Amino acid sequence: MFFFRLMIGFFLAINCSFAQTVDENLEKYWHYRARLIGTNNECGFLDIGLGRGMSLAASERFPDADCATNHHLKNNDCHLSKGSGRMHWGDASLYHGLYLAILALEYKNLEIAKQNTDAVAQELWYALEAFERLDSMAEVVLGLPGKKDGFFVRDDIDGDFYFKKNTATNKRFSNENESYNCMSSAISCGEPSAESGSFISQDQVIGLFIGFCMIDQLIPNQRYRHNLPTFGEKVRVNVDRIVSYMMKDRWKLKMPDGTPIPDKWGGNAIGLSFPISTIANQLTKGEYEKNYHKKGALLLGRPIYDLLQLSLAFQHPTNVVLALASMSLLPKRSYKALGRKSIKHDVIIYPLIRSVLFHQKLFKKIKRSDFELILNAAPYDGPCFGLEDCTAPNGWKSFNRWIHPHFKNGNPYGIYSELPGLDYMLLYNLYHYYYHKDLPSYQQKLR
């Protein structure tokens, strides 16, 4: 009898602990979301809206940086200002794709839970508008008339973006507890050019396509307002613009004046032309172009892509992530191969993306508990590395563990910063969508 009671107590304790953890991870998600957009106690990583620089999440922030003497600002010819606290936008259009995916998943999870979706619908619309702004601004920052043609700039953050009129302090990222008084980005540091890596590249496109695919698969017919296009329509027109631009010179990306974008910045896109054109076919369904498999995407791009998949063991981590991220968006590729490779390279989010997008079963060697171990370990106050008050454990010290898994325990460059946590938010939303029947209702919960 004693043994029987002991076992009942043990299983009750396990079940209570499990319930507490899943509740905590949901609460943590909403804390990350509040931290991303800013609260009365925290400045946030973006400013939601329609103006220049708006609705683009910073990739890092440096609370203690001196804006007048900061090494990065001075060495990269950035806009200098007084005060302290630097925010940085790097690979902003790539991360914007993950942000779009987070918002699409949040919308769908709220819809399933019968919760109001008005706020996230507005935020998603502004985020889609932000990308179109980057498309139009690419020519503007080069001194040309703006044009929505698929050639986009990675961000449009001015050096004085910290300044915002008609606020309590005339500062965009400032409150009683902290203040960020200088910005660094592709636009605010040096002159934008082909050599500066400020514009479209194949890796930026794959990041954006993760967001576009999530919108198109989960909420294609929803809209922000009844008199505006649906989210799916908004996605399809932008996909057509991007891929049409990439095809124009046989997948060799160029500036408006014909200057080639260097390979080191992803200018030669023939290696990913097959998945990019295939994804475009899936998304647009012939609405604009009958078939994007052109200009070498099949004859040259497909064998190069197949070779990339076969040689991941010898590839740089950046190429590995590009291979697996793109494969997660191709429903006809082997889900077993994707699962095995993702486990090996510690990016198991990509098989989950594939399963959510196309309602395919998850690779059997990837368990729910694998995702929960990662989610449980994430620090409540967000990822960070090297700062004095940083509490992030190994695994949560990367700029983004799904884009830079080789930095998940910290980077070798001595870059100490706070990070927005898009990696946690994307994983949690995918996890909640996939396992929602066994999880707490998707409702906002904060301490």
Protein backbone atom coordinates (compact mmCIF):
# COMPACT_ATOMS: atom_id res chain seq x y z
CA MET A 1 0.00 0.00 0.00
CA PHE A 2 2.85 2.35 0.87
CA PHE A 3 4.51 1.65 -2.50
CA PHE A 4 1.20 2.28 -4.29
CA ARG A 5 0.74 5.65 -2.55
CA LEU A 6 4.34 6.54 -3.27
CA MET A 7 3.87 5.87 -6.99
CA ILE A 8 0.65 7.92 -7.10
CA GLY A 9 2.47 10.81 -5.42
CA PHE A 10 5.34 10.52 -7.88
CA PHE A 11 3.08 10.65 -10.94
CA LEU A 12 1.07 13.55 -9.49
CA ALA A 13 4.29 15.47 -8.91
CA ILE A 14 5.43 14.80 -12.47
CA ASN A 15 2.10 15.90 -13.93
CA CYS A 16 2.02 19.07 -11.79
CA SER A 17 5.58 19.89 -12.82
CA PHE A 18 4.71 19.38 -16.50
CA ALA A 19 1.62 21.59 -16.24
CA GLN A 20 3.65 24.28 -14.54
CA THR A 21 6.31 24.19 -17.27
CA VAL A 22 3.89 24.45 -20.20
CA ASP A 23 2.12 27.33 -18.45
CA GLU A 24 5.47 29.00 -17.81
CA ASN A 25 6.52 28.71 -21.44
CA LEU A 26 3.27 30.30 -22.60
CA GLU A 27 3.76 33.10 -20.09
CA LYS A 28 7.36 33.44 -21.25
CA TYR A 29 6.17 33.79 -24.84
CA TRP A 30 3.96 36.74 -23.99
CA HIS A 31 6.76 38.30 -21.97
CA TYR A 32 9.06 38.03 -25.00
CA ARG A 33 6.39 39.62 -27.19
CA ALA A 34 5.96 42.52 -24.76
CA ARG A 35 9.75 42.88 -24.56
CA LEU A 36 9.95 42.94 -28.37
CA ILE A 37 7.49 45.79 -28.89
CA GLY A 38 8.31 47.64 -25.67
CA THR A 39 6.52 48.31 -22.38
CA ASN A 40 6.53 51.05 -19.76
CA ASN A 41 9.50 49.30 -18.16
CA GLU A 42 11.43 48.21 -21.26
CA CYS A 43 12.25 50.03 -24.50
CA GLY A 44 11.62 47.25 -26.99
CA PHE A 45 13.41 46.27 -30.18
CA LEU A 46 11.11 47.94 -32.71
CA ASP A 47 8.56 50.71 -33.10
CA ILE A 48 5.35 49.50 -34.76
CA GLY A 49 4.02 51.77 -37.48
CA LEU A 50 4.17 52.83 -41.11
CA GLY A 51 6.95 55.44 -41.23
CA ARG A 52 10.56 54.99 -42.27
CA GLY A 53 12.35 52.50 -40.02
CA MET A 54 9.10 51.38 -38.41
CA SER A 55 8.10 47.75 -37.77
CA LEU A 56 11.64 46.45 -38.28
CA ALA A 57 13.08 44.60 -35.30
CA ALA A 58 16.63 45.36 -34.18
CA SER A 59 18.86 42.30 -34.04
CA GLU A 60 20.82 43.45 -30.98
CA ARG A 61 21.06 46.20 -28.43
CA PHE A 62 24.02 47.38 -26.35
CA PRO A 63 22.84 49.16 -23.19
CA ASP A 64 26.25 50.46 -22.09
CA ALA A 65 27.65 51.64 -25.43
CA ASP A 66 28.91 55.25 -25.46
CA CYS A 67 27.42 56.79 -28.59
CA ALA A 68 30.29 59.23 -29.11
CA THR A 69 33.17 56.77 -28.72
CA ASN A 70 31.73 53.34 -29.58
CA HIS A 71 34.25 51.31 -31.57
CA HIS A 72 31.69 49.90 -34.01
CA LEU A 73 30.11 53.28 -34.72
CA LYS A 74 33.43 55.00 -35.37
CA ASN A 75 35.05 52.20 -37.40
CA ASN A 76 32.03 51.77 -39.65
CA ASP A 77 31.44 55.44 -40.36
CA CYS A 78 28.10 55.44 -38.54
CA HIS A 79 26.06 58.43 -37.49
CA LEU A 80 27.37 59.64 -34.10
CA SER A 81 25.32 61.21 -31.33
CA LYS A 82 25.44 62.00 -27.64
CA GLY A 83 24.38 59.70 -24.83
CA SER A 84 24.61 55.95 -24.42
CA GLY A 85 22.84 52.79 -25.55
CA ARG A 86 23.19 51.49 -29.12
CA MET A 87 20.64 49.52 -31.13
CA HIS A 88 21.80 47.54 -34.16
CA TRP A 89 19.97 46.27 -37.23
CA GLY A 90 21.94 43.53 -39.03
CA ASP A 91 20.43 41.24 -41.71
CA ALA A 92 17.19 43.03 -40.89
CA SER A 93 15.22 41.76 -43.90
CA LEU A 94 16.16 38.14 -43.11
CA TYR A 95 14.98 38.51 -39.50
CA HIS A 96 11.92 40.34 -40.77
CA GLY A 97 10.85 37.09 -42.40
CA LEU A 98 10.98 35.35 -39.02
CA TYR A 99 8.99 38.22 -37.49
CA LEU A 100 6.32 37.80 -40.19
CA ALA A 101 6.17 34.07 -39.43
CA ILE A 102 5.76 34.77 -35.71
CA LEU A 103 2.86 37.13 -36.36
CA ALA A 104 1.12 34.71 -38.76
CA LEU A 105 1.41 31.90 -36.22
CA GLU A 106 0.24 34.14 -33.39
CA TYR A 107 -2.79 35.15 -35.44
CA LYS A 108 -3.63 31.50 -36.15
CA ASN A 109 -3.05 30.37 -32.56
CA LEU A 110 -5.30 33.16 -31.26
CA GLU A 111 -7.93 32.25 -33.84
CA ILE A 112 -7.88 28.60 -32.74
CA ALA A 113 -8.22 29.72 -29.11
CA LYS A 114 -11.15 32.00 -30.10
CA GLN A 115 -9.26 35.11 -28.99
CA ASN A 116 -9.31 38.57 -30.52
CA THR A 117 -6.90 39.00 -33.45
CA ASP A 118 -7.28 42.73 -34.16
CA ALA A 119 -3.96 43.82 -32.66
CA VAL A 120 -1.84 41.16 -34.35
CA ALA A 121 -3.65 41.75 -37.66
CA GLN A 122 -2.63 45.40 -37.53
CA GLU A 123 0.93 44.53 -36.54
CA LEU A 124 1.18 42.02 -39.40
CA TRP A 125 -0.17 44.50 -41.94
CA TYR A 126 2.37 47.10 -40.81
CA ALA A 127 5.13 44.47 -41.06
CA LEU A 128 4.11 43.60 -44.63
CA GLU A 129 4.01 47.29 -45.47
CA ALA A 130 7.48 47.61 -43.96
CA PHE A 131 8.85 45.13 -46.47
CA GLU A 132 7.24 46.98 -49.37
CA ARG A 133 8.83 50.13 -47.99
CA LEU A 134 12.24 48.41 -48.12
CA ASP A 135 11.52 47.47 -51.73
CA SER A 136 10.71 51.05 -52.66
CA MET A 137 13.47 52.60 -50.51
CA ALA A 138 16.25 50.57 -52.17
CA GLU A 139 16.37 53.02 -55.05
CA VAL A 140 15.75 56.05 -52.84
CA VAL A 141 18.86 55.48 -50.71
CA LEU A 142 20.83 55.38 -53.99
CA GLY A 143 19.41 58.75 -55.04
CA LEU A 144 16.87 57.31 -57.50
CA PRO A 145 13.07 57.40 -57.62
CA GLY A 146 11.49 54.70 -55.44
CA LYS A 147 10.28 51.60 -57.23
CA LYS A 148 8.58 48.40 -56.04
CA ASP A 149 10.38 45.90 -58.23
CA GLY A 150 11.76 43.22 -55.87
CA PHE A 151 15.15 44.92 -55.43
CA PHE A 152 15.13 45.75 -51.73
CA VAL A 153 17.38 47.30 -49.12
CA ARG A 154 17.93 45.33 -45.90
CA ASP A 155 16.74 48.13 -43.62
CA ASP A 156 15.92 51.84 -43.73
CA ILE A 157 17.04 52.85 -40.24
CA ASP A 158 18.46 56.38 -40.23
CA GLY A 159 21.20 57.34 -37.80
CA ASP A 160 18.76 59.66 -36.01
CA PHE A 161 15.97 57.07 -35.77
CA TYR A 162 16.34 57.27 -31.98
CA PHE A 163 14.78 60.74 -32.15
CA LYS A 164 10.98 60.88 -32.15
CA LYS A 165 9.03 64.09 -31.84
CA ASN A 166 6.00 64.52 -29.63
CA THR A 167 7.06 62.00 -27.01
CA ALA A 168 7.85 62.67 -23.37
CA THR A 169 11.60 62.78 -24.04
CA ASN A 170 11.67 63.19 -27.84
CA LYS A 171 13.34 59.78 -27.85
CA ARG A 172 11.98 56.67 -29.55
CA PHE A 173 13.61 54.08 -27.26
CA SER A 174 13.67 55.76 -23.88
CA ASN A 175 11.89 55.62 -20.52
CA GLU A 176 12.67 56.09 -16.84
CA ASN A 177 14.78 52.93 -16.72
CA GLU A 178 16.85 53.01 -19.92
CA SER A 179 17.58 54.90 -23.10
CA TYR A 180 19.07 54.11 -26.50
CA ASN A 181 20.57 57.13 -28.19
CA CYS A 182 22.42 55.80 -31.22
CA MET A 183 21.58 53.49 -34.10
CA SER A 184 23.70 51.31 -36.39
CA SER A 185 22.35 49.69 -39.53
CA ALA A 186 23.01 49.03 -43.21
CA ILE A 187 21.85 52.57 -44.01
CA SER A 188 23.19 54.61 -41.10
CA CYS A 189 26.76 53.29 -41.41
CA GLY A 190 28.70 54.26 -44.53
CA GLU A 191 27.35 54.70 -48.04
CA PRO A 192 24.94 51.98 -49.25
CA SER A 193 26.49 50.21 -52.22
CA ALA A 194 26.96 46.80 -53.82
CA GLU A 195 30.15 46.34 -51.78
CA SER A 196 28.51 47.29 -48.48
CA GLY A 197 26.11 44.33 -48.39
CA SER A 198 23.11 46.59 -47.89
CA PHE A 199 20.73 45.06 -50.41
CA ILE A 200 18.96 41.87 -51.57
CA SER A 201 20.73 38.52 -51.28
CA GLN A 202 19.69 34.88 -51.47
CA ASP A 203 19.87 34.41 -47.68
CA GLN A 204 17.66 37.47 -47.07
CA VAL A 205 15.12 36.05 -49.53
CA ILE A 206 15.02 32.63 -47.85
CA GLY A 207 14.40 34.33 -44.49
CA LEU A 208 11.56 36.38 -45.96
CA PHE A 209 10.09 33.32 -47.64
CA ILE A 210 9.72 31.58 -44.26
CA GLY A 211 7.39 34.39 -43.24
CA PHE A 212 5.62 34.56 -46.59
CA CYS A 213 4.98 30.79 -46.62
CA MET A 214 3.62 30.84 -43.07
CA ILE A 215 1.18 33.62 -43.97
CA ASP A 216 0.09 31.95 -47.19
CA GLN A 217 -0.48 28.55 -45.58
CA LEU A 218 -2.12 29.64 -42.32
CA ILE A 219 -4.02 32.89 -42.90
CA PRO A 220 -4.11 33.63 -46.66
CA ASN A 221 -7.67 34.96 -46.71
CA GLN A 222 -7.63 37.05 -43.55
CA ARG A 223 -7.08 40.77 -43.75
CA TYR A 224 -6.42 43.78 -41.55
CA ARG A 225 -9.33 45.81 -42.89
CA HIS A 226 -12.16 44.79 -45.22
CA ASN A 227 -11.14 47.33 -47.89
CA LEU A 228 -7.51 46.14 -48.02
CA PRO A 229 -5.96 43.13 -49.79
CA THR A 230 -5.83 39.83 -47.94
CA PHE A 231 -2.55 38.85 -46.31
CA GLY A 232 -2.16 36.14 -48.96
CA GLU A 233 -2.59 38.63 -51.80
CA LYS A 234 -0.01 40.89 -50.20
CA VAL A 235 2.45 37.99 -49.99
CA ARG A 236 1.97 36.81 -53.57
CA VAL A 237 2.60 40.17 -55.20
CA ASN A 238 5.84 40.59 -53.26
CA VAL A 239 7.03 37.07 -54.06
CA ASP A 240 6.48 37.74 -57.75
CA ARG A 241 8.43 41.01 -57.59
CA ILE A 242 11.38 39.45 -55.77
CA VAL A 243 11.73 36.36 -57.93
CA SER A 244 11.16 38.25 -61.17
CA TYR A 245 14.00 40.58 -60.18
CA MET A 246 16.26 37.64 -59.31
CA MET A 247 15.56 35.96 -62.67
CA LYS A 248 16.25 39.09 -64.68
CA ASP A 249 20.01 38.48 -65.01
CA ARG A 250 19.96 34.69 -64.74
CA TRP A 251 20.00 34.76 -60.94
CA LYS A 252 23.03 37.08 -60.77
CA LEU A 253 21.85 39.91 -58.54
CA LYS A 254 22.74 43.43 -59.63
CA MET A 255 22.26 47.02 -58.58
CA PRO A 256 20.00 49.32 -60.64
CA ASP A 257 23.05 50.60 -62.54
CA GLY A 258 24.12 47.04 -63.42
CA THR A 259 26.87 46.69 -60.82
CA PRO A 260 26.99 43.05 -59.64
CA ILE A 261 26.31 42.35 -55.97
CA PRO A 262 29.39 40.41 -54.77
CA ASP A 263 29.15 36.69 -54.05
CA LYS A 264 30.23 37.33 -50.44
CA TRP A 265 26.91 39.16 -49.98
CA GLY A 266 24.85 36.44 -51.64
CA GLY A 267 24.84 38.07 -55.05
CA ASN A 268 25.12 34.83 -57.02
CA ALA A 269 21.75 33.20 -56.34
CA ILE A 270 21.94 30.37 -58.88
CA GLY A 271 22.72 27.90 -56.06
CA LEU A 272 19.33 28.55 -54.43
CA SER A 273 17.47 29.39 -57.63
CA PHE A 274 15.74 25.99 -57.67
CA PRO A 275 14.17 26.19 -54.18
CA ILE A 276 13.39 29.91 -54.55
CA SER A 277 11.64 29.42 -57.91
CA THR A 278 9.85 26.30 -56.63
CA ILE A 279 8.56 28.17 -53.58
CA ALA A 280 7.43 31.03 -55.83
CA ASN A 281 5.46 28.55 -57.96
CA GLN A 282 3.83 27.14 -54.81
CA LEU A 283 2.88 30.55 -53.45
CA THR A 284 1.66 32.34 -56.58
CA LYS A 285 0.00 29.35 -58.30
CA GLY A 286 0.44 30.92 -61.73
CA GLU A 287 -1.22 34.19 -60.77
CA TYR A 288 1.65 36.29 -62.19
CA GLU A 289 4.12 33.98 -63.90
CA LYS A 290 3.23 30.53 -65.22
CA ASN A 291 6.52 29.04 -64.07
CA TYR A 292 9.53 30.61 -62.32
CA HIS A 293 11.77 27.64 -63.18
CA LYS A 294 13.64 29.71 -65.74
CA LYS A 295 17.04 31.20 -66.55
CA GLY A 296 18.90 28.11 -65.37
CA ALA A 297 16.91 27.36 -62.19
CA LEU A 298 16.28 23.78 -63.34
CA LEU A 299 19.21 22.93 -65.60
CA LEU A 300 21.90 24.46 -63.39
CA GLY A 301 20.23 25.45 -60.12
CA ARG A 302 18.72 22.07 -59.31
CA PRO A 303 21.95 20.00 -59.53
CA ILE A 304 23.84 22.67 -57.54
CA TYR A 305 21.15 22.56 -54.86
CA ASP A 306 21.21 18.76 -54.77
CA LEU A 307 25.00 18.88 -54.38
CA LEU A 308 24.63 21.37 -51.53
CA GLN A 309 22.28 18.99 -49.71
CA LEU A 310 24.74 16.12 -50.17
CA SER A 311 27.75 18.09 -48.93
CA LEU A 312 26.45 19.70 -45.74
CA ALA A 313 29.17 18.07 -43.66
CA PHE A 314 31.73 20.19 -45.52
CA GLN A 315 29.75 23.43 -45.70
CA HIS A 316 29.99 26.60 -43.62
CA PRO A 317 27.21 26.81 -40.99
CA THR A 318 25.58 29.65 -42.96
CA ASN A 319 25.21 27.41 -46.02
CA VAL A 320 23.92 24.55 -43.86
CA VAL A 321 21.15 26.76 -42.48
CA LEU A 322 20.26 28.03 -45.95
CA ALA A 323 20.02 24.45 -47.22
CA LEU A 324 17.80 23.26 -44.37
CA ALA A 325 15.67 26.40 -44.15
CA SER A 326 14.90 26.25 -47.87
CA MET A 327 14.25 22.49 -47.67
CA SER A 328 11.66 23.11 -44.95
CA LEU A 329 9.64 25.08 -47.50
CA LEU A 330 9.63 22.30 -50.13
CA PRO A 331 6.93 19.71 -49.32
CA LYS A 332 8.11 17.15 -51.88
CA ARG A 333 11.63 16.81 -50.48
CA SER A 334 12.26 13.91 -48.08
CA TYR A 335 11.06 14.79 -44.59
CA LYS A 336 13.30 12.02 -43.24
CA ALA A 337 16.40 13.57 -44.81
CA LEU A 338 15.40 16.98 -43.45
CA GLY A 339 14.88 15.49 -40.01
CA ARG A 340 18.19 13.65 -39.92
CA LYS A 341 20.18 16.64 -41.13
CA SER A 342 18.42 19.03 -38.78
CA ILE A 343 19.20 16.83 -35.78
CA LYS A 344 22.85 16.58 -36.82
CA HIS A 345 23.21 20.34 -37.18
CA ASP A 346 21.11 21.22 -34.11
CA VAL A 347 18.35 23.11 -35.91
CA ILE A 348 15.31 20.92 -35.31
CA ILE A 349 12.97 23.85 -35.87
CA TYR A 350 13.10 23.27 -39.65
CA PRO A 351 11.30 19.90 -39.65
CA LEU A 352 8.66 21.49 -37.40
CA ILE A 353 8.25 24.37 -39.85
CA ARG A 354 7.74 21.82 -42.63
CA SER A 355 5.18 19.86 -40.59
CA VAL A 356 3.19 23.00 -39.71
CA LEU A 357 3.23 24.40 -43.23
CA PHE A 358 2.21 21.27 -45.09
CA HIS A 359 0.44 19.19 -42.42
CA GLN A 360 3.09 16.50 -42.70
CA LYS A 361 4.12 14.18 -39.91
CA LEU A 362 7.18 15.09 -37.91
CA PHE A 363 10.30 12.98 -38.29
CA LYS A 364 9.92 10.23 -35.66
CA LYS A 365 13.32 10.81 -34.05
CA ILE A 366 12.31 14.36 -33.13
CA LYS A 367 10.11 14.32 -30.03
CA ARG A 368 7.92 16.88 -28.36
CA SER A 369 10.23 16.71 -25.36
CA ASP A 370 13.13 17.87 -27.58
CA PHE A 371 11.34 21.15 -28.23
CA GLU A 372 10.31 21.49 -24.60
CA LEU A 373 13.88 21.13 -23.36
CA ILE A 374 14.89 24.03 -25.59
CA LEU A 375 11.91 26.17 -24.60
CA ASN A 376 12.32 25.42 -20.90
CA ALA A 377 15.94 26.53 -20.96
CA ALA A 378 15.25 29.95 -22.49
CA PRO A 379 15.76 32.74 -19.93
CA TYR A 380 12.62 34.62 -18.92
CA ASP A 381 14.29 37.99 -19.55
CA GLY A 382 15.44 37.09 -23.05
CA PRO A 383 18.60 35.85 -24.79
CA CYS A 384 21.85 37.70 -24.23
CA PHE A 385 25.58 37.17 -24.16
CA GLY A 386 28.38 38.52 -22.04
CA LEU A 387 26.59 41.38 -20.28
CA GLU A 388 26.99 41.70 -16.53
CA ASP A 389 23.35 40.90 -15.74
CA CYS A 390 22.92 38.26 -18.48
CA THR A 391 21.31 35.05 -17.19
CA ALA A 392 21.07 33.17 -20.50
CA PRO A 393 22.38 29.59 -20.33
CA ASN A 394 24.28 27.90 -23.14
CA GLY A 395 21.97 27.46 -26.09
CA TRP A 396 20.45 30.93 -25.75
CA LYS A 397 23.45 33.18 -26.38
CA SER A 398 23.22 33.38 -30.18
CA PHE A 399 22.04 36.30 -32.30
CA ASN A 400 19.44 33.73 -33.37
CA ARG A 401 20.02 30.04 -32.70
CA TRP A 402 18.17 28.94 -35.86
CA ILE A 403 20.20 31.23 -38.13
CA HIS A 404 23.50 31.05 -36.20
CA PRO A 405 23.47 27.70 -34.36
CA HIS A 406 27.27 27.77 -34.17
CA PHE A 407 26.98 30.78 -31.83
CA LYS A 408 24.32 29.32 -29.52
CA ASN A 409 26.82 29.22 -26.63
CA GLY A 410 28.25 32.65 -27.42
CA ASN A 411 30.12 34.23 -30.31
CA PRO A 412 33.92 34.32 -30.61
CA TYR A 413 34.03 38.02 -31.45
CA GLY A 414 33.42 39.38 -27.99
CA ILE A 415 30.12 40.97 -29.04
CA TYR A 416 28.17 41.30 -25.81
CA SER A 417 24.56 42.29 -26.28
CA GLU A 418 20.88 41.74 -25.56
CA LEU A 419 18.92 39.91 -28.23
CA PRO A 420 15.23 40.11 -29.26
CA GLY A 421 14.36 36.42 -28.86
CA LEU A 422 12.76 35.89 -32.26
CA ASP A 423 14.17 32.36 -32.11
CA TYR A 424 12.18 31.54 -28.95
CA MET A 425 9.00 33.19 -30.22
CA LEU A 426 9.10 31.34 -33.54
CA LEU A 427 9.73 27.97 -31.92
CA TYR A 428 7.08 28.47 -29.25
CA ASN A 429 4.40 29.44 -31.76
CA LEU A 430 5.18 26.47 -34.01
CA TYR A 431 5.21 24.14 -30.99
CA HIS A 432 1.90 25.51 -29.69
CA TYR A 433 0.24 25.22 -33.09
CA TYR A 434 1.44 21.65 -33.61
CA TYR A 435 0.62 20.40 -30.09
CA HIS A 436 -2.17 22.83 -29.16
CA LYS A 437 -4.69 20.12 -28.23
CA ASP A 438 -2.52 19.14 -25.25
CA LEU A 439 -1.48 22.64 -24.18
CA PRO A 440 -3.07 25.49 -22.20
CA SER A 441 -5.36 27.78 -24.19
CA TYR A 442 -3.36 30.33 -26.18
CA GLN A 443 -4.22 33.38 -24.10
CA GLN A 444 -2.04 36.26 -23.00
CA LYS A 445 -0.54 35.62 -19.59
CA LEU A 446 1.98 37.89 -17.91
CA ARG A 447 3.33 38.18 -14.39
